[in-house]
Amino acid sequence: MFKLRVGDVEYSVNLPAYAIPYVNLLGNRFAAVPDSFEDAKRLADDLKTAMDELERFIQPKPKPDHWPELLFKLIVEVANEIRRAVKAAGFSKESMEAR
């Protein structure tokens, strides 16, 4: 569980592992620059779907203007958790080269 503060609100995020792809999708899509109107619509639809899915794991419900900052903080937390898990599992470049 993560505690993330945006403005005066502290959000609790209880993100199951299967929801991590939504965080990755949002990170990639949020910064994407569309090439056409159709591409922009597709990006917007993807963002909306991912936000709707993630919203189920965040309490309280995020304020619309908090989403950008909350998303970036969530991406950082998820990346840090993955790094910690990989390190704890003993995976490293050196251990992989020994195989």
C-alpha atoms as a PDB file:
ATOM      1  CA  MET A   1       0.000   0.000   0.000  1.00  0.00           C
ATOM      2  CA  PHE A   2       1.233   3.451  -0.903  1.00  0.00           C
ATOM      3  CA  LYS A   3       0.397   6.757   0.745  1.00  0.00           C
ATOM      4  CA  LEU A   4       0.670   9.594  -1.762  1.00  0.00           C
ATOM      5  CA  ARG A   5      -0.027  13.239  -0.967  1.00  0.00           C
ATOM      6  CA  VAL A   6      -1.285  15.652  -3.587  1.00  0.00           C
ATOM      7  CA  GLY A   7      -2.065  19.104  -2.287  1.00  0.00           C
ATOM      8  CA  ASP A   8      -4.005  18.746   0.940  1.00  0.00           C
ATOM      9  CA  VAL A   9      -5.193  15.197   0.211  1.00  0.00           C
ATOM     10  CA  GLU A  10      -3.443  11.989   1.223  1.00  0.00           C
ATOM     11  CA  TYR A  11      -4.373   9.119  -1.057  1.00  0.00           C
ATOM     12  CA  SER A  12      -4.082   5.473  -0.071  1.00  0.00           C
ATOM     13  CA  VAL A  13      -3.275   3.260  -3.032  1.00  0.00           C
ATOM     14  CA  ASN A  14      -3.698  -0.483  -2.586  1.00  0.00           C
ATOM     15  CA  LEU A  15      -2.497  -1.592  -5.984  1.00  0.00           C
ATOM     16  CA  PRO A  16      -2.555  -5.309  -6.816  1.00  0.00           C
ATOM     17  CA  ALA A  17       0.204  -6.588  -9.105  1.00  0.00           C
ATOM     18  CA  TYR A  18      -2.235  -7.202 -11.958  1.00  0.00           C
ATOM     19  CA  ALA A  19      -3.017  -3.454 -12.070  1.00  0.00           C
ATOM     20  CA  ILE A  20       0.595  -2.400 -12.706  1.00  0.00           C
ATOM     21  CA  PRO A  21       0.106  -2.447 -16.514  1.00  0.00           C
ATOM     22  CA  TYR A  22      -2.499   0.303 -16.089  1.00  0.00           C
ATOM     23  CA  VAL A  23       0.107   2.461 -14.349  1.00  0.00           C
ATOM     24  CA  ASN A  24       2.548   1.786 -17.187  1.00  0.00           C
ATOM     25  CA  LEU A  25      -0.102   2.518 -19.808  1.00  0.00           C
ATOM     26  CA  LEU A  26      -0.984   5.810 -18.163  1.00  0.00           C
ATOM     27  CA  GLY A  27       2.659   6.783 -17.941  1.00  0.00           C
ATOM     28  CA  ASN A  28       3.228   6.091 -21.626  1.00  0.00           C
ATOM     29  CA  ARG A  29      -0.050   7.521 -22.889  1.00  0.00           C
ATOM     30  CA  PHE A  30      -0.042  10.589 -20.650  1.00  0.00           C
ATOM     31  CA  ALA A  31       3.128  11.930 -22.265  1.00  0.00           C
ATOM     32  CA  ALA A  32       2.333  10.786 -25.811  1.00  0.00           C
ATOM     33  CA  VAL A  33       1.884  13.345 -28.564  1.00  0.00           C
ATOM     34  CA  PRO A  34      -0.837  12.277 -31.012  1.00  0.00           C
ATOM     35  CA  ASP A  35      -0.232  12.488 -34.739  1.00  0.00           C
ATOM     36  CA  SER A  36      -3.868  12.926 -35.724  1.00  0.00           C
ATOM     37  CA  PHE A  37      -7.323  13.551 -34.364  1.00  0.00           C
ATOM     38  CA  GLU A  38      -8.047   9.817 -34.446  1.00  0.00           C
ATOM     39  CA  ASP A  39      -4.829   9.120 -32.553  1.00  0.00           C
ATOM     40  CA  ALA A  40      -5.760  11.761 -29.960  1.00  0.00           C
ATOM     41  CA  LYS A  41      -9.186  10.170 -29.480  1.00  0.00           C
ATOM     42  CA  ARG A  42      -7.610   6.728 -29.051  1.00  0.00           C
ATOM     43  CA  LEU A  43      -5.111   8.114 -26.514  1.00  0.00           C
ATOM     44  CA  ALA A  44      -7.899   9.848 -24.593  1.00  0.00           C
ATOM     45  CA  ASP A  45      -9.967   6.646 -24.535  1.00  0.00           C
ATOM     46  CA  ASP A  46      -6.972   4.639 -23.289  1.00  0.00           C
ATOM     47  CA  LEU A  47      -6.289   7.192 -20.555  1.00  0.00           C
ATOM     48  CA  LYS A  48      -9.906   7.227 -19.433  1.00  0.00           C
ATOM     49  CA  THR A  49     -10.065   3.423 -19.288  1.00  0.00           C
ATOM     50  CA  ALA A  50      -6.823   3.142 -17.327  1.00  0.00           C
ATOM     51  CA  MET A  51      -7.851   5.896 -14.897  1.00  0.00           C
ATOM     52  CA  ASP A  52     -11.230   4.232 -14.330  1.00  0.00           C
ATOM     53  CA  GLU A  53      -9.491   0.927 -13.570  1.00  0.00           C
ATOM     54  CA  LEU A  54      -6.917   2.453 -11.215  1.00  0.00           C
ATOM     55  CA  GLU A  55      -9.496   4.557  -9.426  1.00  0.00           C
ATOM     56  CA  ARG A  56     -10.873   1.367  -7.841  1.00  0.00           C
ATOM     57  CA  PHE A  57      -7.634   1.003  -5.853  1.00  0.00           C
ATOM     58  CA  ILE A  58      -7.327   4.612  -4.665  1.00  0.00           C
ATOM     59  CA  GLN A  59      -9.006   6.119  -1.620  1.00  0.00           C
ATOM     60  CA  PRO A  60     -10.433   8.720  -1.519  1.00  0.00           C
ATOM     61  CA  LYS A  61     -11.534   9.080  -5.118  1.00  0.00           C
ATOM     62  CA  PRO A  62      -8.953  11.339  -6.809  1.00  0.00           C
ATOM     63  CA  LYS A  63      -9.926  14.898  -7.606  1.00  0.00           C
ATOM     64  CA  PRO A  64      -9.742  15.472 -11.382  1.00  0.00           C
ATOM     65  CA  ASP A  65      -7.015  18.103 -11.035  1.00  0.00           C
ATOM     66  CA  HIS A  66      -4.933  15.770  -8.834  1.00  0.00           C
ATOM     67  CA  TRP A  67      -4.605  13.042 -11.467  1.00  0.00           C
ATOM     68  CA  PRO A  68      -1.451  14.310 -13.224  1.00  0.00           C
ATOM     69  CA  GLU A  69       0.605  14.625 -10.024  1.00  0.00           C
ATOM     70  CA  LEU A  70      -0.908  11.495  -8.503  1.00  0.00           C
ATOM     71  CA  LEU A  71      -0.081   9.536 -11.630  1.00  0.00           C
ATOM     72  CA  PHE A  72       3.558  10.649 -11.686  1.00  0.00           C
ATOM     73  CA  LYS A  73       3.979   9.826  -7.998  1.00  0.00           C
ATOM     74  CA  LEU A  74       2.354   6.439  -8.518  1.00  0.00           C
ATOM     75  CA  ILE A  75       4.681   5.658 -11.438  1.00  0.00           C
ATOM     76  CA  VAL A  76       7.690   6.451  -9.231  1.00  0.00           C
ATOM     77  CA  GLU A  77       6.381   4.305  -6.361  1.00  0.00           C
ATOM     78  CA  VAL A  78       5.620   1.346  -8.613  1.00  0.00           C
ATOM     79  CA  ALA A  79       9.079   1.579 -10.231  1.00  0.00           C
ATOM     80  CA  ASN A  80      10.710   1.699  -6.781  1.00  0.00           C
ATOM     81  CA  GLU A  81       8.726  -1.327  -5.617  1.00  0.00           C
ATOM     82  CA  ILE A  82       9.733  -3.293  -8.698  1.00  0.00           C
ATOM     83  CA  ARG A  83      13.396  -2.359  -8.116  1.00  0.00           C
ATOM     84  CA  ARG A  84      13.166  -3.468  -4.472  1.00  0.00           C
ATOM     85  CA  ALA A  85      11.522  -6.762  -5.457  1.00  0.00           C
ATOM     86  CA  VAL A  86      14.156  -7.495  -8.097  1.00  0.00           C
ATOM     87  CA  LYS A  87      16.948  -6.688  -5.660  1.00  0.00           C
ATOM     88  CA  ALA A  88      15.369  -8.805  -2.899  1.00  0.00           C
ATOM     89  CA  ALA A  89      15.021 -11.719  -5.310  1.00  0.00           C
ATOM     90  CA  GLY A  90      18.733 -11.562  -6.010  1.00  0.00           C
ATOM     91  CA  PHE A  91      18.402 -10.654  -9.673  1.00  0.00           C
ATOM     92  CA  SER A  92      21.187  -8.485 -10.957  1.00  0.00           C
ATOM     93  CA  LYS A  93      23.316  -8.184 -14.045  1.00  0.00           C
ATOM     94  CA  GLU A  94      26.094 -10.110 -12.302  1.00  0.00           C
ATOM     95  CA  SER A  95      23.831 -12.987 -11.235  1.00  0.00           C
ATOM     96  CA  MET A  96      22.436 -13.273 -14.759  1.00  0.00           C
ATOM     97  CA  GLU A  97      25.913 -13.326 -16.339  1.00  0.00           C
ATOM     98  CA  ALA A  98      26.929 -16.242 -14.116  1.00  0.00           C
ATOM     99  CA  ARG A  99      24.274 -18.448 -15.720  1.00  0.00           C
END
